[in-house]
Amino acid sequence: MYAWLWRHLPGPVLVRVLLVAVLVAAVLAVCFTWVFPAVAPFMPFNDTTVGE
């Protein structure tokens, strides 16, 4: 997957590195903004069995 992405990015190595950094930042922003809050209610982090 990473090799495919690297081959399809335009420009020299410096431009590709900058584009990858921007893409990683965008994916992280989407995850923290929409994906993680949407999945959080379904995660069992608050289901404790101690004391019940």
PDB file of N, CA and C in Angstrom:
ATOM      1  N   MET A   1       0.834  -1.188   0.000  1.00  0.00           N
ATOM      2  CA  MET A   1       0.000   0.000   0.000  1.00  0.00           C
ATOM      3  C   MET A   1       0.876   1.248   0.000  1.00  0.00           C
ATOM      4  N   TYR A   2       1.897   1.255   0.850  1.00  0.00           N
ATOM      5  CA  TYR A   2       2.748   2.442   0.927  1.00  0.00           C
ATOM      6  C   TYR A   2       3.557   2.634  -0.350  1.00  0.00           C
ATOM      7  N   ALA A   3       4.006   1.539  -0.929  1.00  0.00           N
ATOM      8  CA  ALA A   3       4.752   1.628  -2.187  1.00  0.00           C
ATOM      9  C   ALA A   3       3.854   2.148  -3.298  1.00  0.00           C
ATOM     10  N   TRP A   4       2.615   1.694  -3.341  1.00  0.00           N
ATOM     11  CA  TRP A   4       1.679   2.176  -4.348  1.00  0.00           C
ATOM     12  C   TRP A   4       1.447   3.673  -4.173  1.00  0.00           C
ATOM     13  N   LEU A   5       1.256   4.106  -2.931  1.00  0.00           N
ATOM     14  CA  LEU A   5       1.046   5.530  -2.663  1.00  0.00           C
ATOM     15  C   LEU A   5       2.269   6.342  -3.064  1.00  0.00           C
ATOM     16  N   TRP A   6       3.449   5.859  -2.708  1.00  0.00           N
ATOM     17  CA  TRP A   6       4.692   6.569  -3.021  1.00  0.00           C
ATOM     18  C   TRP A   6       4.888   6.701  -4.533  1.00  0.00           C
ATOM     19  N   ARG A   7       4.566   5.646  -5.280  1.00  0.00           N
ATOM     20  CA  ARG A   7       4.731   5.696  -6.735  1.00  0.00           C
ATOM     21  C   ARG A   7       3.753   6.661  -7.388  1.00  0.00           C
ATOM     22  N   HIS A   8       2.588   6.855  -6.805  1.00  0.00           N
ATOM     23  CA  HIS A   8       1.567   7.684  -7.438  1.00  0.00           C
ATOM     24  C   HIS A   8       1.604   9.150  -7.010  1.00  0.00           C
ATOM     25  N   LEU A   9       2.446   9.483  -6.051  1.00  0.00           N
ATOM     26  CA  LEU A   9       2.582  10.884  -5.672  1.00  0.00           C
ATOM     27  C   LEU A   9       3.462  11.613  -6.680  1.00  0.00           C
ATOM     28  N   PRO A  10       3.104  12.841  -7.030  1.00  0.00           N
ATOM     29  CA  PRO A  10       3.900  13.574  -8.018  1.00  0.00           C
ATOM     30  C   PRO A  10       5.107  14.265  -7.386  1.00  0.00           C
ATOM     31  N   GLY A  11       6.066  14.596  -8.211  1.00  0.00           N
ATOM     32  CA  GLY A  11       7.179  15.435  -7.792  1.00  0.00           C
ATOM     33  C   GLY A  11       8.392  14.681  -7.285  1.00  0.00           C
ATOM     34  N   PRO A  12       9.414  15.453  -6.923  1.00  0.00           N
ATOM     35  CA  PRO A  12      10.639  14.852  -6.377  1.00  0.00           C
ATOM     36  C   PRO A  12      10.413  14.373  -4.938  1.00  0.00           C
ATOM     37  N   VAL A  13      11.450  13.825  -4.354  1.00  0.00           N
ATOM     38  CA  VAL A  13      11.338  13.199  -3.038  1.00  0.00           C
ATOM     39  C   VAL A  13      10.871  14.187  -1.972  1.00  0.00           C
ATOM     40  N   LEU A  14      11.384  15.396  -1.969  1.00  0.00           N
ATOM     41  CA  LEU A  14      10.993  16.385  -0.961  1.00  0.00           C
ATOM     42  C   LEU A  14       9.504  16.701  -1.042  1.00  0.00           C
ATOM     43  N   VAL A  15       8.989  16.851  -2.235  1.00  0.00           N
ATOM     44  CA  VAL A  15       7.560  17.134  -2.417  1.00  0.00           C
ATOM     45  C   VAL A  15       6.740  15.934  -1.961  1.00  0.00           C
ATOM     46  N   ARG A  16       7.204  14.737  -2.273  1.00  0.00           N
ATOM     47  CA  ARG A  16       6.488  13.529  -1.848  1.00  0.00           C
ATOM     48  C   ARG A  16       6.451  13.417  -0.329  1.00  0.00           C
ATOM     49  N   VAL A  17       7.552  13.723   0.321  1.00  0.00           N
ATOM     50  CA  VAL A  17       7.593  13.665   1.785  1.00  0.00           C
ATOM     51  C   VAL A  17       6.604  14.664   2.376  1.00  0.00           C
ATOM     52  N   LEU A  18       6.555  15.860   1.829  1.00  0.00           N
ATOM     53  CA  LEU A  18       5.611  16.860   2.315  1.00  0.00           C
ATOM     54  C   LEU A  18       4.160  16.434   2.073  1.00  0.00           C
ATOM     55  N   LEU A  19       3.904  15.849   0.922  1.00  0.00           N
ATOM     56  CA  LEU A  19       2.555  15.371   0.629  1.00  0.00           C
ATOM     57  C   LEU A  19       2.145  14.239   1.572  1.00  0.00           C
ATOM     58  N   VAL A  20       3.073  13.347   1.862  1.00  0.00           N
ATOM     59  CA  VAL A  20       2.777  12.257   2.796  1.00  0.00           C
ATOM     60  C   VAL A  20       2.487  12.822   4.179  1.00  0.00           C
ATOM     61  N   ALA A  21       3.238  13.820   4.603  1.00  0.00           N
ATOM     62  CA  ALA A  21       2.995  14.433   5.908  1.00  0.00           C
ATOM     63  C   ALA A  21       1.610  15.077   5.957  1.00  0.00           C
ATOM     64  N   VAL A  22       1.228  15.749   4.888  1.00  0.00           N
ATOM     65  CA  VAL A  22      -0.100  16.364   4.830  1.00  0.00           C
ATOM     66  C   VAL A  22      -1.189  15.293   4.834  1.00  0.00           C
ATOM     67  N   LEU A  23      -0.987  14.220   4.096  1.00  0.00           N
ATOM     68  CA  LEU A  23      -1.970  13.139   4.062  1.00  0.00           C
ATOM     69  C   LEU A  23      -2.116  12.469   5.429  1.00  0.00           C
ATOM     70  N   VAL A  24      -1.013  12.245   6.112  1.00  0.00           N
ATOM     71  CA  VAL A  24      -1.065  11.644   7.447  1.00  0.00           C
ATOM     72  C   VAL A  24      -1.801  12.563   8.413  1.00  0.00           C
ATOM     73  N   ALA A  25      -1.514  13.853   8.350  1.00  0.00           N
ATOM     74  CA  ALA A  25      -2.201  14.809   9.215  1.00  0.00           C
ATOM     75  C   ALA A  25      -3.704  14.836   8.916  1.00  0.00           C
ATOM     76  N   ALA A  26      -4.071  14.753   7.650  1.00  0.00           N
ATOM     77  CA  ALA A  26      -5.489  14.762   7.279  1.00  0.00           C
ATOM     78  C   ALA A  26      -6.189  13.497   7.780  1.00  0.00           C
ATOM     79  N   VAL A  27      -5.547  12.359   7.651  1.00  0.00           N
ATOM     80  CA  VAL A  27      -6.149  11.115   8.129  1.00  0.00           C
ATOM     81  C   VAL A  27      -6.314  11.152   9.641  1.00  0.00           C
ATOM     82  N   LEU A  28      -5.322  11.632  10.355  1.00  0.00           N
ATOM     83  CA  LEU A  28      -5.430  11.747  11.811  1.00  0.00           C
ATOM     84  C   LEU A  28      -6.540  12.707  12.213  1.00  0.00           C
ATOM     85  N   ALA A  29      -6.656  13.823  11.518  1.00  0.00           N
ATOM     86  CA  ALA A  29      -7.713  14.789  11.829  1.00  0.00           C
ATOM     87  C   ALA A  29      -9.093  14.181  11.604  1.00  0.00           C
ATOM     88  N   VAL A  30      -9.268  13.449  10.528  1.00  0.00           N
ATOM     89  CA  VAL A  30     -10.555  12.796  10.257  1.00  0.00           C
ATOM     90  C   VAL A  30     -10.859  11.751  11.329  1.00  0.00           C
ATOM     91  N   CYS A  31      -9.844  10.981  11.709  1.00  0.00           N
ATOM     92  CA  CYS A  31     -10.062   9.959  12.742  1.00  0.00           C
ATOM     93  C   CYS A  31     -10.475  10.580  14.066  1.00  0.00           C
ATOM     94  N   PHE A  32      -9.761  11.605  14.511  1.00  0.00           N
ATOM     95  CA  PHE A  32     -10.063  12.207  15.798  1.00  0.00           C
ATOM     96  C   PHE A  32     -11.333  13.045  15.769  1.00  0.00           C
ATOM     97  N   THR A  33     -11.720  13.549  14.602  1.00  0.00           N
ATOM     98  CA  THR A  33     -12.901  14.399  14.516  1.00  0.00           C
ATOM     99  C   THR A  33     -14.186  13.594  14.356  1.00  0.00           C
ATOM    100  N   TRP A  34     -14.168  12.570  13.486  1.00  0.00           N
ATOM    101  CA  TRP A  34     -15.397  11.849  13.182  1.00  0.00           C
ATOM    102  C   TRP A  34     -15.374  10.371  13.543  1.00  0.00           C
ATOM    103  N   VAL A  35     -14.317   9.676  13.248  1.00  0.00           N
ATOM    104  CA  VAL A  35     -14.321   8.217  13.404  1.00  0.00           C
ATOM    105  C   VAL A  35     -14.309   7.811  14.872  1.00  0.00           C
ATOM    106  N   PHE A  36     -13.350   8.304  15.647  1.00  0.00           N
ATOM    107  CA  PHE A  36     -13.251   7.895  17.041  1.00  0.00           C
ATOM    108  C   PHE A  36     -14.479   8.290  17.865  1.00  0.00           C
ATOM    109  N   PRO A  37     -15.026   9.496  17.725  1.00  0.00           N
ATOM    110  CA  PRO A  37     -16.254   9.808  18.481  1.00  0.00           C
ATOM    111  C   PRO A  37     -17.446   8.937  18.069  1.00  0.00           C
ATOM    112  N   ALA A  38     -17.503   8.515  16.817  1.00  0.00           N
ATOM    113  CA  ALA A  38     -18.610   7.675  16.373  1.00  0.00           C
ATOM    114  C   ALA A  38     -18.486   6.254  16.920  1.00  0.00           C
ATOM    115  N   VAL A  39     -17.271   5.776  17.120  1.00  0.00           N
ATOM    116  CA  VAL A  39     -17.041   4.410  17.581  1.00  0.00           C
ATOM    117  C   VAL A  39     -17.021   4.330  19.107  1.00  0.00           C
ATOM    118  N   ALA A  40     -16.741   5.404  19.793  1.00  0.00           N
ATOM    119  CA  ALA A  40     -16.564   5.408  21.250  1.00  0.00           C
ATOM    120  C   ALA A  40     -17.751   4.832  22.021  1.00  0.00           C
ATOM    121  N   PRO A  41     -18.998   5.115  21.670  1.00  0.00           N
ATOM    122  CA  PRO A  41     -20.100   4.529  22.449  1.00  0.00           C
ATOM    123  C   PRO A  41     -20.157   3.002  22.392  1.00  0.00           C
ATOM    124  N   PHE A  42     -19.566   2.400  21.385  1.00  0.00           N
ATOM    125  CA  PHE A  42     -19.615   0.950  21.229  1.00  0.00           C
ATOM    126  C   PHE A  42     -18.434   0.235  21.874  1.00  0.00           C
ATOM    127  N   MET A  43     -17.482   0.985  22.407  1.00  0.00           N
ATOM    128  CA  MET A  43     -16.299   0.382  23.031  1.00  0.00           C
ATOM    129  C   MET A  43     -16.576   0.084  24.504  1.00  0.00           C
ATOM    130  N   PRO A  44     -16.042  -1.017  25.013  1.00  0.00           N
ATOM    131  CA  PRO A  44     -16.372  -1.424  26.389  1.00  0.00           C
ATOM    132  C   PRO A  44     -15.468  -0.823  27.459  1.00  0.00           C
ATOM    133  N   PHE A  45     -14.972   0.395  27.275  1.00  0.00           N
ATOM    134  CA  PHE A  45     -14.040   0.978  28.232  1.00  0.00           C
ATOM    135  C   PHE A  45     -14.704   1.286  29.574  1.00  0.00           C
ATOM    136  N   ASN A  46     -15.971   1.600  29.568  1.00  0.00           N
ATOM    137  CA  ASN A  46     -16.663   1.975  30.801  1.00  0.00           C
ATOM    138  C   ASN A  46     -17.429   0.805  31.417  1.00  0.00           C
ATOM    139  N   ASP A  47     -17.343  -0.353  30.814  1.00  0.00           N
ATOM    140  CA  ASP A  47     -18.016  -1.542  31.354  1.00  0.00           C
ATOM    141  C   ASP A  47     -17.091  -2.214  32.354  1.00  0.00           C
ATOM    142  N   THR A  48     -17.243  -1.896  33.620  1.00  0.00           N
ATOM    143  CA  THR A  48     -16.397  -2.487  34.646  1.00  0.00           C
ATOM    144  C   THR A  48     -17.148  -3.594  35.358  1.00  0.00           C
ATOM    145  N   THR A  49     -16.421  -4.592  35.806  1.00  0.00           N
ATOM    146  CA  THR A  49     -17.042  -5.691  36.543  1.00  0.00           C
ATOM    147  C   THR A  49     -16.601  -5.705  38.002  1.00  0.00           C
ATOM    148  N   VAL A  50     -15.658  -4.855  38.366  1.00  0.00           N
ATOM    149  CA  VAL A  50     -15.199  -4.809  39.739  1.00  0.00           C
ATOM    150  C   VAL A  50     -16.225  -4.058  40.577  1.00  0.00           C
ATOM    151  N   GLY A  51     -16.634  -4.656  41.664  1.00  0.00           N
ATOM    152  CA  GLY A  51     -17.578  -4.001  42.561  1.00  0.00           C
ATOM    153  C   GLY A  51     -19.033  -4.285  42.233  1.00  0.00           C
ATOM    154  N   GLU A  52     -19.317  -5.088  41.246  1.00  0.00           N
ATOM    155  CA  GLU A  52     -20.708  -5.394  40.917  1.00  0.00           C
ATOM    156  C   GLU A  52     -21.136  -6.690  41.538  1.00  0.00           C
TER     157      GLU A  52
END
